[in-house]
Amino acid sequence: MPAPLPPLHHQPLTPPQPPMRLRAVALAVLVHVGLIGALVVGMNLKRPPEPVMEAELWSALPEQAAPAAPSEPEVAEPP
């Protein structure tokens, strides 16, 4: 009597499935993460910059000097 055949894990007329390779899956995940990252960066570069506001803070405001007082006109004495 011949030795029994090992059990088939696939259909008899279809080729066997190749074993899953961990390196191929890791590389595919890495490439997809890189593409998604490039897409996010590309979308952020298209966003217009927000307007910048600037304010000067002073501890004491400068005081303006008072205008010079008008001089009294000299009165000429009659001769």
PDB file of N, CA and C in Angstrom:
ATOM      1  N   MET A   1       0.844  -1.152   0.000  1.00  0.00           N
ATOM      2  CA  MET A   1       0.000   0.000   0.000  1.00  0.00           C
ATOM      3  C   MET A   1       0.906   1.235   0.000  1.00  0.00           C
ATOM      4  N   PRO A   2       0.620   2.234  -0.891  1.00  0.00           N
ATOM      5  CA  PRO A   2       1.460   3.428  -0.963  1.00  0.00           C
ATOM      6  C   PRO A   2       1.230   4.332   0.246  1.00  0.00           C
ATOM      7  N   ALA A   3       2.220   5.193   0.507  1.00  0.00           N
ATOM      8  CA  ALA A   3       2.129   6.129   1.637  1.00  0.00           C
ATOM      9  C   ALA A   3       1.035   7.140   1.361  1.00  0.00           C
ATOM     10  N   PRO A   4       0.312   7.554   2.406  1.00  0.00           N
ATOM     11  CA  PRO A   4      -0.758   8.533   2.176  1.00  0.00           C
ATOM     12  C   PRO A   4      -0.172   9.886   1.769  1.00  0.00           C
ATOM     13  N   LEU A   5      -0.898  10.595   0.923  1.00  0.00           N
ATOM     14  CA  LEU A   5      -0.480  11.919   0.462  1.00  0.00           C
ATOM     15  C   LEU A   5      -0.736  12.955   1.559  1.00  0.00           C
ATOM     16  N   PRO A   6       0.118  13.978   1.644  1.00  0.00           N
ATOM     17  CA  PRO A   6      -0.141  15.023   2.642  1.00  0.00           C
ATOM     18  C   PRO A   6      -1.410  15.785   2.266  1.00  0.00           C
ATOM     19  N   PRO A   7      -2.101  16.327   3.261  1.00  0.00           N
ATOM     20  CA  PRO A   7      -3.339  17.056   2.947  1.00  0.00           C
ATOM     21  C   PRO A   7      -3.038  18.313   2.127  1.00  0.00           C
ATOM     22  N   LEU A   8      -3.936  18.614   1.221  1.00  0.00           N
ATOM     23  CA  LEU A   8      -3.789  19.805   0.381  1.00  0.00           C
ATOM     24  C   LEU A   8      -4.380  21.010   1.110  1.00  0.00           C
ATOM     25  N   HIS A   9      -3.654  22.116   1.090  1.00  0.00           N
ATOM     26  CA  HIS A   9      -4.149  23.346   1.721  1.00  0.00           C
ATOM     27  C   HIS A   9      -4.724  24.297   0.689  1.00  0.00           C
ATOM     28  N   HIS A  10      -4.803  23.872  -0.551  1.00  0.00           N
ATOM     29  CA  HIS A  10      -5.368  24.687  -1.614  1.00  0.00           C
ATOM     30  C   HIS A  10      -6.143  23.778  -2.547  1.00  0.00           C
ATOM     31  N   GLN A  11      -6.862  24.386  -3.439  1.00  0.00           N
ATOM     32  CA  GLN A  11      -7.629  23.599  -4.405  1.00  0.00           C
ATOM     33  C   GLN A  11      -6.658  22.824  -5.287  1.00  0.00           C
ATOM     34  N   PRO A  12      -7.029  21.694  -5.750  1.00  0.00           N
ATOM     35  CA  PRO A  12      -6.091  20.867  -6.508  1.00  0.00           C
ATOM     36  C   PRO A  12      -5.624  21.491  -7.818  1.00  0.00           C
ATOM     37  N   LEU A  13      -6.414  22.315  -8.473  1.00  0.00           N
ATOM     38  CA  LEU A  13      -6.026  22.836  -9.777  1.00  0.00           C
ATOM     39  C   LEU A  13      -5.557  24.296  -9.733  1.00  0.00           C
ATOM     40  N   THR A  14      -5.450  24.884  -8.573  1.00  0.00           N
ATOM     41  CA  THR A  14      -4.965  26.262  -8.466  1.00  0.00           C
ATOM     42  C   THR A  14      -3.553  26.253  -7.891  1.00  0.00           C
ATOM     43  N   PRO A  15      -2.742  27.234  -8.268  1.00  0.00           N
ATOM     44  CA  PRO A  15      -1.382  27.260  -7.725  1.00  0.00           C
ATOM     45  C   PRO A  15      -1.414  27.629  -6.242  1.00  0.00           C
ATOM     46  N   PRO A  16      -0.458  27.178  -5.502  1.00  0.00           N
ATOM     47  CA  PRO A  16      -0.440  27.506  -4.073  1.00  0.00           C
ATOM     48  C   PRO A  16      -0.177  29.000  -3.867  1.00  0.00           C
ATOM     49  N   GLN A  17      -0.713  29.528  -2.787  1.00  0.00           N
ATOM     50  CA  GLN A  17      -0.513  30.941  -2.445  1.00  0.00           C
ATOM     51  C   GLN A  17       0.923  31.135  -1.971  1.00  0.00           C
ATOM     52  N   PRO A  18       1.582  32.202  -2.433  1.00  0.00           N
ATOM     53  CA  PRO A  18       2.950  32.432  -1.956  1.00  0.00           C
ATOM     54  C   PRO A  18       2.916  32.825  -0.483  1.00  0.00           C
ATOM     55  N   PRO A  19       3.936  32.484   0.259  1.00  0.00           N
ATOM     56  CA  PRO A  19       3.946  32.846   1.682  1.00  0.00           C
ATOM     57  C   PRO A  19       4.058  34.364   1.839  1.00  0.00           C
ATOM     58  N   MET A  20       3.387  34.884   2.872  1.00  0.00           N
ATOM     59  CA  MET A  20       3.414  36.330   3.105  1.00  0.00           C
ATOM     60  C   MET A  20       4.804  36.719   3.598  1.00  0.00           C
ATOM     61  N   ARG A  21       5.362  37.706   2.988  1.00  0.00           N
ATOM     62  CA  ARG A  21       6.707  38.141   3.368  1.00  0.00           C
ATOM     63  C   ARG A  21       6.588  39.397   4.229  1.00  0.00           C
ATOM     64  N   LEU A  22       7.161  39.327   5.383  1.00  0.00           N
ATOM     65  CA  LEU A  22       7.074  40.429   6.345  1.00  0.00           C
ATOM     66  C   LEU A  22       7.771  41.674   5.821  1.00  0.00           C
ATOM     67  N   ARG A  23       8.870  41.511   5.126  1.00  0.00           N
ATOM     68  CA  ARG A  23       9.602  42.671   4.616  1.00  0.00           C
ATOM     69  C   ARG A  23       8.780  43.415   3.571  1.00  0.00           C
ATOM     70  N   ALA A  24       8.060  42.689   2.718  1.00  0.00           N
ATOM     71  CA  ALA A  24       7.237  43.331   1.693  1.00  0.00           C
ATOM     72  C   ALA A  24       6.093  44.117   2.328  1.00  0.00           C
ATOM     73  N   VAL A  25       5.484  43.557   3.345  1.00  0.00           N
ATOM     74  CA  VAL A  25       4.384  44.246   4.029  1.00  0.00           C
ATOM     75  C   VAL A  25       4.914  45.488   4.744  1.00  0.00           C
ATOM     76  N   ALA A  26       6.051  45.366   5.401  1.00  0.00           N
ATOM     77  CA  ALA A  26       6.625  46.515   6.107  1.00  0.00           C
ATOM     78  C   ALA A  26       6.996  47.622   5.126  1.00  0.00           C
ATOM     79  N   LEU A  27       7.542  47.259   3.983  1.00  0.00           N
ATOM     80  CA  LEU A  27       7.896  48.260   2.981  1.00  0.00           C
ATOM     81  C   LEU A  27       6.651  48.943   2.419  1.00  0.00           C
ATOM     82  N   ALA A  28       5.593  48.180   2.185  1.00  0.00           N
ATOM     83  CA  ALA A  28       4.347  48.770   1.683  1.00  0.00           C
ATOM     84  C   ALA A  28       3.762  49.753   2.693  1.00  0.00           C
ATOM     85  N   VAL A  29       3.788  49.393   3.968  1.00  0.00           N
ATOM     86  CA  VAL A  29       3.278  50.294   5.010  1.00  0.00           C
ATOM     87  C   VAL A  29       4.140  51.549   5.080  1.00  0.00           C
ATOM     88  N   LEU A  30       5.447  51.387   4.989  1.00  0.00           N
ATOM     89  CA  LEU A  30       6.354  52.532   5.034  1.00  0.00           C
ATOM     90  C   LEU A  30       6.119  53.479   3.862  1.00  0.00           C
ATOM     91  N   VAL A  31       5.923  52.948   2.679  1.00  0.00           N
ATOM     92  CA  VAL A  31       5.680  53.788   1.502  1.00  0.00           C
ATOM     93  C   VAL A  31       4.352  54.523   1.638  1.00  0.00           C
ATOM     94  N   HIS A  32       3.323  53.856   2.145  1.00  0.00           N
ATOM     95  CA  HIS A  32       2.029  54.521   2.312  1.00  0.00           C
ATOM     96  C   HIS A  32       2.116  55.641   3.351  1.00  0.00           C
ATOM     97  N   VAL A  33       2.832  55.410   4.434  1.00  0.00           N
ATOM     98  CA  VAL A  33       3.004  56.463   5.448  1.00  0.00           C
ATOM     99  C   VAL A  33       3.745  57.651   4.845  1.00  0.00           C
ATOM    100  N   GLY A  34       4.763  57.374   4.029  1.00  0.00           N
ATOM    101  CA  GLY A  34       5.496  58.459   3.371  1.00  0.00           C
ATOM    102  C   GLY A  34       4.622  59.249   2.415  1.00  0.00           C
ATOM    103  N   LEU A  35       3.778  58.566   1.666  1.00  0.00           N
ATOM    104  CA  LEU A  35       2.891  59.269   0.732  1.00  0.00           C
ATOM    105  C   LEU A  35       1.859  60.114   1.469  1.00  0.00           C
ATOM    106  N   ILE A  36       1.314  59.587   2.541  1.00  0.00           N
ATOM    107  CA  ILE A  36       0.340  60.362   3.321  1.00  0.00           C
ATOM    108  C   ILE A  36       1.030  61.571   3.957  1.00  0.00           C
ATOM    109  N   GLY A  37       2.249  61.389   4.440  1.00  0.00           N
ATOM    110  CA  GLY A  37       3.000  62.517   5.006  1.00  0.00           C
ATOM    111  C   GLY A  37       3.272  63.590   3.970  1.00  0.00           C
ATOM    112  N   ALA A  38       3.641  63.182   2.747  1.00  0.00           N
ATOM    113  CA  ALA A  38       3.882  64.157   1.679  1.00  0.00           C
ATOM    114  C   ALA A  38       2.596  64.890   1.323  1.00  0.00           C
ATOM    115  N   LEU A  39       1.474  64.199   1.348  1.00  0.00           N
ATOM    116  CA  LEU A  39       0.189  64.835   1.052  1.00  0.00           C
ATOM    117  C   LEU A  39      -0.154  65.875   2.112  1.00  0.00           C
ATOM    118  N   VAL A  40       0.065  65.552   3.372  1.00  0.00           N
ATOM    119  CA  VAL A  40      -0.233  66.496   4.461  1.00  0.00           C
ATOM    120  C   VAL A  40       0.664  67.722   4.362  1.00  0.00           C
ATOM    121  N   VAL A  41       1.953  67.514   4.111  1.00  0.00           N
ATOM    122  CA  VAL A  41       2.882  68.645   3.988  1.00  0.00           C
ATOM    123  C   VAL A  41       2.499  69.502   2.790  1.00  0.00           C
ATOM    124  N   GLY A  42       2.130  68.885   1.680  1.00  0.00           N
ATOM    125  CA  GLY A  42       1.727  69.639   0.493  1.00  0.00           C
ATOM    126  C   GLY A  42       0.486  70.470   0.736  1.00  0.00           C
ATOM    127  N   MET A  43      -0.443  69.949   1.514  1.00  0.00           N
ATOM    128  CA  MET A  43      -1.659  70.712   1.804  1.00  0.00           C
ATOM    129  C   MET A  43      -1.352  71.873   2.739  1.00  0.00           C
ATOM    130  N   ASN A  44      -0.430  71.690   3.679  1.00  0.00           N
ATOM    131  CA  ASN A  44      -0.076  72.773   4.601  1.00  0.00           C
ATOM    132  C   ASN A  44       0.681  73.886   3.890  1.00  0.00           C
ATOM    133  N   LEU A  45       1.414  73.579   2.837  1.00  0.00           N
ATOM    134  CA  LEU A  45       2.152  74.610   2.111  1.00  0.00           C
ATOM    135  C   LEU A  45       1.217  75.501   1.301  1.00  0.00           C
ATOM    136  N   LYS A  46       0.032  75.015   0.956  1.00  0.00           N
ATOM    137  CA  LYS A  46      -0.906  75.814   0.170  1.00  0.00           C
ATOM    138  C   LYS A  46      -1.708  76.778   1.037  1.00  0.00           C
ATOM    139  N   ARG A  47      -1.687  76.593   2.347  1.00  0.00           N
ATOM    140  CA  ARG A  47      -2.459  77.451   3.240  1.00  0.00           C
ATOM    141  C   ARG A  47      -1.815  78.829   3.284  1.00  0.00           C
ATOM    142  N   PRO A  48      -2.590  79.906   3.072  1.00  0.00           N
ATOM    143  CA  PRO A  48      -1.992  81.252   3.126  1.00  0.00           C
ATOM    144  C   PRO A  48      -1.556  81.573   4.555  1.00  0.00           C
ATOM    145  N   PRO A  49      -0.478  82.330   4.697  1.00  0.00           N
ATOM    146  CA  PRO A  49      -0.015  82.665   6.049  1.00  0.00           C
ATOM    147  C   PRO A  49      -1.004  83.594   6.743  1.00  0.00           C
ATOM    148  N   GLU A  50      -1.107  83.439   8.036  1.00  0.00           N
ATOM    149  CA  GLU A  50      -2.016  84.280   8.802  1.00  0.00           C
ATOM    150  C   GLU A  50      -1.408  85.674   8.947  1.00  0.00           C
ATOM    151  N   PRO A  51      -2.245  86.725   8.928  1.00  0.00           N
ATOM    152  CA  PRO A  51      -1.698  88.083   9.058  1.00  0.00           C
ATOM    153  C   PRO A  51      -1.055  88.273  10.436  1.00  0.00           C
ATOM    154  N   VAL A  52       0.024  89.019  10.434  1.00  0.00           N
ATOM    155  CA  VAL A  52       0.775  89.247  11.668  1.00  0.00           C
ATOM    156  C   VAL A  52       0.412  90.622  12.211  1.00  0.00           C
ATOM    157  N   MET A  53       0.166  90.703  13.504  1.00  0.00           N
ATOM    158  CA  MET A  53      -0.129  91.984  14.146  1.00  0.00           C
ATOM    159  C   MET A  53       1.064  92.353  15.014  1.00  0.00           C
ATOM    160  N   GLU A  54       1.381  93.638  15.030  1.00  0.00           N
ATOM    161  CA  GLU A  54       2.530  94.100  15.795  1.00  0.00           C
ATOM    162  C   GLU A  54       2.108  95.294  16.634  1.00  0.00           C
ATOM    163  N   ALA A  55       2.552  95.340  17.873  1.00  0.00           N
ATOM    164  CA  ALA A  55       2.241  96.459  18.761  1.00  0.00           C
ATOM    165  C   ALA A  55       3.502  96.828  19.533  1.00  0.00           C
ATOM    166  N   GLU A  56       3.697  98.137  19.721  1.00  0.00           N
ATOM    167  CA  GLU A  56       4.829  98.605  20.512  1.00  0.00           C
ATOM    168  C   GLU A  56       4.316  98.940  21.905  1.00  0.00           C
ATOM    169  N   LEU A  57       4.978  98.444  22.905  1.00  0.00           N
ATOM    170  CA  LEU A  57       4.596  98.713  24.283  1.00  0.00           C
ATOM    171  C   LEU A  57       5.629  99.651  24.886  1.00  0.00           C
ATOM    172  N   TRP A  58       5.157 100.773  25.436  1.00  0.00           N
ATOM    173  CA  TRP A  58       6.048 101.761  26.028  1.00  0.00           C
ATOM    174  C   TRP A  58       5.760 101.830  27.516  1.00  0.00           C
ATOM    175  N   SER A  59       6.807 102.015  28.294  1.00  0.00           N
ATOM    176  CA  SER A  59       6.585 102.135  29.733  1.00  0.00           C
ATOM    177  C   SER A  59       6.119 103.546  30.093  1.00  0.00           C
ATOM    178  N   ALA A  60       6.575 104.570  29.361  1.00  0.00           N
ATOM    179  CA  ALA A  60       6.144 105.952  29.614  1.00  0.00           C
ATOM    180  C   ALA A  60       6.032 106.661  28.271  1.00  0.00           C
ATOM    181  N   LEU A  61       4.942 107.373  28.102  1.00  0.00           N
ATOM    182  CA  LEU A  61       4.752 108.099  26.854  1.00  0.00           C
ATOM    183  C   LEU A  61       5.591 109.377  26.880  1.00  0.00           C
ATOM    184  N   PRO A  62       6.176 109.757  25.772  1.00  0.00           N
ATOM    185  CA  PRO A  62       6.955 111.005  25.757  1.00  0.00           C
ATOM    186  C   PRO A  62       6.018 112.208  25.874  1.00  0.00           C
ATOM    187  N   GLU A  63       6.488 113.226  26.584  1.00  0.00           N
ATOM    188  CA  GLU A  63       5.682 114.440  26.749  1.00  0.00           C
ATOM    189  C   GLU A  63       6.171 115.485  25.768  1.00  0.00           C
ATOM    190  N   GLN A  64       5.215 116.180  25.170  1.00  0.00           N
ATOM    191  CA  GLN A  64       5.587 117.243  24.238  1.00  0.00           C
ATOM    192  C   GLN A  64       5.937 118.494  25.049  1.00  0.00           C
ATOM    193  N   ALA A  65       6.948 119.202  24.584  1.00  0.00           N
ATOM    194  CA  ALA A  65       7.337 120.447  25.252  1.00  0.00           C
ATOM    195  C   ALA A  65       6.287 121.514  24.941  1.00  0.00           C
ATOM    196  N   ALA A  66       6.037 122.346  25.933  1.00  0.00           N
ATOM    197  CA  ALA A  66       5.069 123.423  25.738  1.00  0.00           C
ATOM    198  C   ALA A  66       5.663 124.447  24.781  1.00  0.00           C
ATOM    199  N   PRO A  67       4.821 125.068  23.960  1.00  0.00           N
ATOM    200  CA  PRO A  67       5.361 126.076  23.043  1.00  0.00           C
ATOM    201  C   PRO A  67       5.915 127.274  23.837  1.00  0.00           C
ATOM    202  N   ALA A  68       6.912 127.912  23.273  1.00  0.00           N
ATOM    203  CA  ALA A  68       7.540 129.057  23.946  1.00  0.00           C
ATOM    204  C   ALA A  68       6.518 130.186  24.085  1.00  0.00           C
ATOM    205  N   ALA A  69       6.574 130.846  25.229  1.00  0.00           N
ATOM    206  CA  ALA A  69       5.638 131.944  25.480  1.00  0.00           C
ATOM    207  C   ALA A  69       5.995 133.117  24.571  1.00  0.00           C
ATOM    208  N   PRO A  70       4.992 133.789  24.022  1.00  0.00           N
ATOM    209  CA  PRO A  70       5.301 134.930  23.155  1.00  0.00           C
ATOM    210  C   PRO A  70       5.939 136.048  23.981  1.00  0.00           C
ATOM    211  N   SER A  71       6.948 136.666  23.414  1.00  0.00           N
ATOM    212  CA  SER A  71       7.639 137.737  24.144  1.00  0.00           C
ATOM    213  C   SER A  71       6.783 139.006  24.095  1.00  0.00           C
ATOM    214  N   GLU A  72       6.901 139.774  25.149  1.00  0.00           N
ATOM    215  CA  GLU A  72       6.138 141.025  25.233  1.00  0.00           C
ATOM    216  C   GLU A  72       6.717 142.006  24.223  1.00  0.00           C
ATOM    217  N   PRO A  73       5.879 142.615  23.423  1.00  0.00           N
ATOM    218  CA  PRO A  73       6.430 143.604  22.485  1.00  0.00           C
ATOM    219  C   PRO A  73       6.970 144.813  23.259  1.00  0.00           C
ATOM    220  N   GLU A  74       8.096 145.275  22.820  1.00  0.00           N
ATOM    221  CA  GLU A  74       8.687 146.430  23.501  1.00  0.00           C
ATOM    222  C   GLU A  74       7.907 147.688  23.113  1.00  0.00           C
ATOM    223  N   VAL A  75       7.589 148.412  24.110  1.00  0.00           N
ATOM    224  CA  VAL A  75       6.839 149.647  23.877  1.00  0.00           C
ATOM    225  C   VAL A  75       7.860 150.774  23.717  1.00  0.00           C
ATOM    226  N   ALA A  76       7.760 151.449  22.635  1.00  0.00           N
ATOM    227  CA  ALA A  76       8.689 152.558  22.392  1.00  0.00           C
ATOM    228  C   ALA A  76       8.185 153.787  23.147  1.00  0.00           C
ATOM    229  N   GLU A  77       9.087 154.416  23.862  1.00  0.00           N
ATOM    230  CA  GLU A  77       8.680 155.598  24.608  1.00  0.00           C
ATOM    231  C   GLU A  77       8.631 156.792  23.658  1.00  0.00           C
ATOM    232  N   PRO A  78       7.606 157.589  23.782  1.00  0.00           N
ATOM    233  CA  PRO A  78       7.534 158.753  22.900  1.00  0.00           C
ATOM    234  C   PRO A  78       8.633 159.764  23.253  1.00  0.00           C
ATOM    235  N   PRO A  79       9.245 160.430  22.307  1.00  0.00           N
ATOM    236  CA  PRO A  79      10.315 161.415  22.602  1.00  0.00           C
ATOM    237  C   PRO A  79       9.812 162.711  23.131  1.00  0.00           C
TER     238      PRO A  79
END
